Amino acid sequence: MKHPDVASVPATLAALHVDPEAGLTHAEVDTRRKEHGYNEVAEQRGHPVLMVLGKFWGVSAWMLELIMVLSIVLRKYSGFAVVSALLVVNAV
């Protein structure tokens, strides 16, 4: 079953005015690059601090954070230290 928004290869080649046997001339490539730019996707990088903080968001991090809270409530500070170290190592 074809998706209604998906064009066939021959239809796409015809719409782009491309001969699959000959390809594009260098002049046509230059013209299309000037009009549309290079065929690339710009890498979007987030702020480094937000990327590190993002490592502390998720199911495994939440479980470790819950264990840290329980360790403090139960006054098990050595367990808190160990789990804190695990959380930081997991983030790195």
N, C-alpha and C. Protein backbone atom coordinates (compact mmCIF):
# COMPACT_ATOMS: atom_id res chain seq x y z
N MET A 1 0.84 -1.18 0.00
CA MET A 1 0.00 0.00 0.00
C MET A 1 0.89 1.24 0.00
N LYS A 2 0.65 2.15 -0.92
CA LYS A 2 1.44 3.36 -1.02
C LYS A 2 0.81 4.46 -0.18
N HIS A 3 1.69 5.24 0.41
CA HIS A 3 1.25 6.41 1.16
C HIS A 3 0.89 7.49 0.13
N PRO A 4 -0.21 8.21 0.32
CA PRO A 4 -0.64 9.17 -0.70
C PRO A 4 0.33 10.34 -0.90
N ASP A 5 1.17 10.65 0.08
CA ASP A 5 2.08 11.79 -0.04
C ASP A 5 3.45 11.39 -0.58
N VAL A 6 3.66 10.11 -0.87
CA VAL A 6 4.96 9.64 -1.33
C VAL A 6 4.93 9.51 -2.85
N ALA A 7 5.84 10.21 -3.53
CA ALA A 7 5.92 10.17 -4.98
C ALA A 7 6.82 9.03 -5.41
N SER A 8 6.57 8.49 -6.59
CA SER A 8 7.42 7.44 -7.12
C SER A 8 8.75 8.06 -7.56
N VAL A 9 9.75 7.22 -7.75
CA VAL A 9 11.06 7.70 -8.19
C VAL A 9 10.95 8.37 -9.55
N PRO A 10 10.30 7.75 -10.55
CA PRO A 10 10.20 8.43 -11.84
C PRO A 10 9.48 9.78 -11.74
N ALA A 11 8.44 9.86 -10.93
CA ALA A 11 7.71 11.12 -10.78
C ALA A 11 8.59 12.18 -10.12
N THR A 12 9.38 11.77 -9.15
CA THR A 12 10.28 12.71 -8.47
C THR A 12 11.35 13.21 -9.43
N LEU A 13 11.94 12.30 -10.20
CA LEU A 13 12.96 12.70 -11.19
C LEU A 13 12.38 13.66 -12.21
N ALA A 14 11.15 13.40 -12.65
CA ALA A 14 10.51 14.28 -13.63
C ALA A 14 10.24 15.65 -13.02
N ALA A 15 9.78 15.67 -11.78
CA ALA A 15 9.48 16.95 -11.13
C ALA A 15 10.74 17.78 -10.92
N LEU A 16 11.87 17.10 -10.70
CA LEU A 16 13.14 17.81 -10.50
C LEU A 16 13.91 18.04 -11.79
N HIS A 17 13.35 17.58 -12.89
CA HIS A 17 13.99 17.73 -14.21
C HIS A 17 15.38 17.10 -14.22
N VAL A 18 15.44 15.84 -13.82
CA VAL A 18 16.72 15.12 -13.75
C VAL A 18 16.64 13.87 -14.62
N ASP A 19 17.65 13.67 -15.43
CA ASP A 19 17.78 12.45 -16.22
C ASP A 19 18.64 11.49 -15.40
N PRO A 20 18.09 10.35 -14.97
CA PRO A 20 18.87 9.45 -14.12
C PRO A 20 20.10 8.86 -14.80
N GLU A 21 20.10 8.82 -16.11
CA GLU A 21 21.25 8.29 -16.84
C GLU A 21 22.39 9.31 -16.92
N ALA A 22 22.03 10.56 -17.15
CA ALA A 22 23.05 11.60 -17.35
C ALA A 22 23.36 12.37 -16.07
N GLY A 23 22.40 12.46 -15.16
CA GLY A 23 22.61 13.26 -13.95
C GLY A 23 22.50 14.74 -14.25
N LEU A 24 23.14 15.54 -13.43
CA LEU A 24 23.11 16.98 -13.59
C LEU A 24 24.45 17.48 -14.13
N THR A 25 24.39 18.54 -14.90
CA THR A 25 25.63 19.16 -15.35
C THR A 25 26.20 19.97 -14.19
N HIS A 26 27.48 20.31 -14.30
CA HIS A 26 28.10 21.11 -13.25
C HIS A 26 27.41 22.47 -13.11
N ALA A 27 26.99 23.03 -14.23
CA ALA A 27 26.29 24.32 -14.19
C ALA A 27 24.95 24.19 -13.46
N GLU A 28 24.24 23.09 -13.71
CA GLU A 28 22.96 22.87 -13.03
C GLU A 28 23.17 22.64 -11.53
N VAL A 29 24.22 21.93 -11.18
CA VAL A 29 24.53 21.72 -9.76
C VAL A 29 24.79 23.07 -9.09
N ASP A 30 25.60 23.92 -9.73
CA ASP A 30 25.89 25.24 -9.16
C ASP A 30 24.63 26.08 -9.02
N THR A 31 23.78 26.03 -10.04
CA THR A 31 22.52 26.79 -10.00
C THR A 31 21.65 26.31 -8.85
N ARG A 32 21.51 25.00 -8.71
CA ARG A 32 20.66 24.46 -7.64
C ARG A 32 21.25 24.72 -6.26
N ARG A 33 22.58 24.69 -6.14
CA ARG A 33 23.21 25.00 -4.85
C ARG A 33 22.97 26.46 -4.47
N LYS A 34 23.04 27.35 -5.46
CA LYS A 34 22.79 28.76 -5.17
C LYS A 34 21.34 28.98 -4.76
N GLU A 35 20.44 28.24 -5.38
CA GLU A 35 19.00 28.41 -5.12
C GLU A 35 18.58 27.74 -3.81
N HIS A 36 19.07 26.51 -3.57
CA HIS A 36 18.58 25.72 -2.44
C HIS A 36 19.62 25.48 -1.35
N GLY A 37 20.89 25.74 -1.64
CA GLY A 37 21.94 25.45 -0.66
C GLY A 37 22.40 24.00 -0.77
N TYR A 38 23.34 23.65 0.07
CA TYR A 38 23.87 22.29 0.07
C TYR A 38 22.86 21.32 0.67
N ASN A 39 22.97 20.07 0.30
CA ASN A 39 22.10 19.02 0.82
C ASN A 39 22.65 18.55 2.16
N GLU A 40 22.39 19.37 3.18
CA GLU A 40 22.91 19.04 4.50
C GLU A 40 21.95 19.55 5.56
N VAL A 41 22.05 18.95 6.71
CA VAL A 41 21.23 19.36 7.84
C VAL A 41 22.18 19.93 8.88
N ALA A 42 21.92 21.15 9.31
CA ALA A 42 22.79 21.79 10.30
C ALA A 42 22.62 21.09 11.64
N GLU A 43 23.75 20.80 12.26
CA GLU A 43 23.73 20.15 13.57
C GLU A 43 23.32 21.18 14.60
N GLN A 44 22.30 20.84 15.36
CA GLN A 44 21.83 21.74 16.40
C GLN A 44 22.31 21.22 17.74
N ARG A 45 23.12 22.01 18.37
CA ARG A 45 23.67 21.62 19.66
C ARG A 45 23.05 22.49 20.72
N GLY A 46 22.73 21.89 21.83
CA GLY A 46 22.16 22.63 22.94
C GLY A 46 23.25 23.23 23.81
N HIS A 47 22.84 23.96 24.79
CA HIS A 47 23.77 24.55 25.74
C HIS A 47 24.42 23.41 26.54
N PRO A 48 25.73 23.44 26.74
CA PRO A 48 26.42 22.34 27.43
C PRO A 48 25.88 22.07 28.83
N VAL A 49 25.52 23.11 29.56
CA VAL A 49 25.00 22.91 30.91
C VAL A 49 23.67 22.18 30.86
N LEU A 50 22.82 22.56 29.90
CA LEU A 50 21.52 21.89 29.77
C LEU A 50 21.70 20.44 29.32
N MET A 51 22.73 20.18 28.52
CA MET A 51 22.98 18.81 28.08
C MET A 51 23.39 17.95 29.27
N VAL A 52 24.21 18.48 30.17
CA VAL A 52 24.63 17.73 31.36
C VAL A 52 23.44 17.54 32.29
N LEU A 53 22.66 18.58 32.50
CA LEU A 53 21.49 18.46 33.37
C LEU A 53 20.48 17.46 32.81
N GLY A 54 20.42 17.36 31.49
CA GLY A 54 19.52 16.39 30.86
C GLY A 54 19.86 14.95 31.21
N LYS A 55 21.12 14.71 31.57
CA LYS A 55 21.53 13.35 31.96
C LYS A 55 20.92 12.94 33.29
N PHE A 56 20.45 13.91 34.08
CA PHE A 56 19.83 13.62 35.36
C PHE A 56 18.32 13.51 35.24
N TRP A 57 17.82 13.43 34.00
CA TRP A 57 16.38 13.35 33.77
C TRP A 57 16.09 12.05 33.03
N GLY A 58 15.38 11.17 33.67
CA GLY A 58 15.03 9.90 33.07
C GLY A 58 14.77 8.87 34.15
N VAL A 59 14.26 7.73 33.77
CA VAL A 59 13.84 6.72 34.73
C VAL A 59 15.00 6.24 35.59
N SER A 60 16.14 5.91 34.99
CA SER A 60 17.27 5.40 35.78
C SER A 60 17.79 6.48 36.72
N ALA A 61 17.87 7.72 36.26
CA ALA A 61 18.32 8.80 37.13
C ALA A 61 17.33 9.04 38.25
N TRP A 62 16.04 8.98 37.94
CA TRP A 62 15.02 9.18 38.98
C TRP A 62 15.11 8.12 40.06
N MET A 63 15.37 6.87 39.66
CA MET A 63 15.50 5.81 40.67
C MET A 63 16.69 6.09 41.58
N LEU A 64 17.81 6.48 41.00
CA LEU A 64 18.98 6.79 41.82
C LEU A 64 18.72 8.00 42.71
N GLU A 65 18.03 9.00 42.20
CA GLU A 65 17.71 10.18 43.01
C GLU A 65 16.76 9.83 44.15
N LEU A 66 15.81 8.93 43.91
CA LEU A 66 14.91 8.48 44.97
C LEU A 66 15.69 7.73 46.04
N ILE A 67 16.61 6.90 45.63
CA ILE A 67 17.45 6.18 46.59
C ILE A 67 18.26 7.18 47.41
N MET A 68 18.75 8.24 46.79
CA MET A 68 19.50 9.27 47.52
C MET A 68 18.62 9.93 48.58
N VAL A 69 17.39 10.26 48.21
CA VAL A 69 16.47 10.89 49.16
C VAL A 69 16.18 9.92 50.31
N LEU A 70 15.92 8.66 49.99
CA LEU A 70 15.65 7.68 51.03
C LEU A 70 16.87 7.46 51.92
N SER A 71 18.05 7.52 51.35
CA SER A 71 19.27 7.36 52.14
C SER A 71 19.42 8.49 53.15
N ILE A 72 19.09 9.70 52.75
CA ILE A 72 19.17 10.83 53.68
C ILE A 72 18.11 10.69 54.76
N VAL A 73 16.88 10.32 54.37
CA VAL A 73 15.79 10.16 55.35
C VAL A 73 16.15 9.09 56.37
N LEU A 74 16.76 8.01 55.90
CA LEU A 74 17.13 6.90 56.80
C LEU A 74 18.50 7.10 57.44
N ARG A 75 19.12 8.23 57.18
CA ARG A 75 20.44 8.58 57.72
C ARG A 75 21.52 7.57 57.36
N LYS A 76 21.44 7.08 56.13
CA LYS A 76 22.46 6.17 55.59
C LYS A 76 23.34 6.99 54.65
N TYR A 77 24.23 7.77 55.24
CA TYR A 77 25.01 8.73 54.45
C TYR A 77 26.03 8.06 53.55
N SER A 78 26.52 6.89 53.96
CA SER A 78 27.47 6.19 53.08
C SER A 78 26.75 5.71 51.82
N GLY A 79 25.52 5.24 51.98
CA GLY A 79 24.71 4.84 50.81
C GLY A 79 24.42 6.04 49.92
N PHE A 80 24.15 7.19 50.56
CA PHE A 80 23.92 8.42 49.80
C PHE A 80 25.14 8.77 48.97
N ALA A 81 26.33 8.66 49.57
CA ALA A 81 27.56 9.00 48.87
C ALA A 81 27.81 8.06 47.69
N VAL A 82 27.57 6.77 47.91
CA VAL A 82 27.80 5.79 46.84
C VAL A 82 26.83 6.03 45.69
N VAL A 83 25.56 6.22 45.99
CA VAL A 83 24.56 6.42 44.94
C VAL A 83 24.79 7.75 44.24
N SER A 84 25.21 8.78 44.97
CA SER A 84 25.54 10.07 44.34
C SER A 84 26.67 9.90 43.34
N ALA A 85 27.69 9.12 43.76
CA ALA A 85 28.81 8.87 42.84
C ALA A 85 28.34 8.11 41.60
N LEU A 86 27.45 7.12 41.79
CA LEU A 86 26.90 6.37 40.66
C LEU A 86 26.13 7.28 39.71
N LEU A 87 25.37 8.20 40.28
CA LEU A 87 24.58 9.12 39.45
C LEU A 87 25.49 10.03 38.64
N VAL A 88 26.56 10.51 39.25
CA VAL A 88 27.49 11.39 38.53
C VAL A 88 28.22 10.59 37.44
N VAL A 89 28.67 9.37 37.77
CA VAL A 89 29.35 8.53 36.77
C VAL A 89 28.40 8.23 35.63
N ASN A 90 27.13 7.95 35.93
CA ASN A 90 26.14 7.69 34.89
C ASN A 90 25.97 8.91 33.98
N ALA A 91 25.98 10.10 34.57
CA ALA A 91 25.82 11.33 33.79
C ALA A 91 27.03 11.60 32.90
N VAL A 92 28.21 11.27 33.41
CA VAL A 92 29.43 11.52 32.63
C VAL A 92 29.51 10.51 31.52
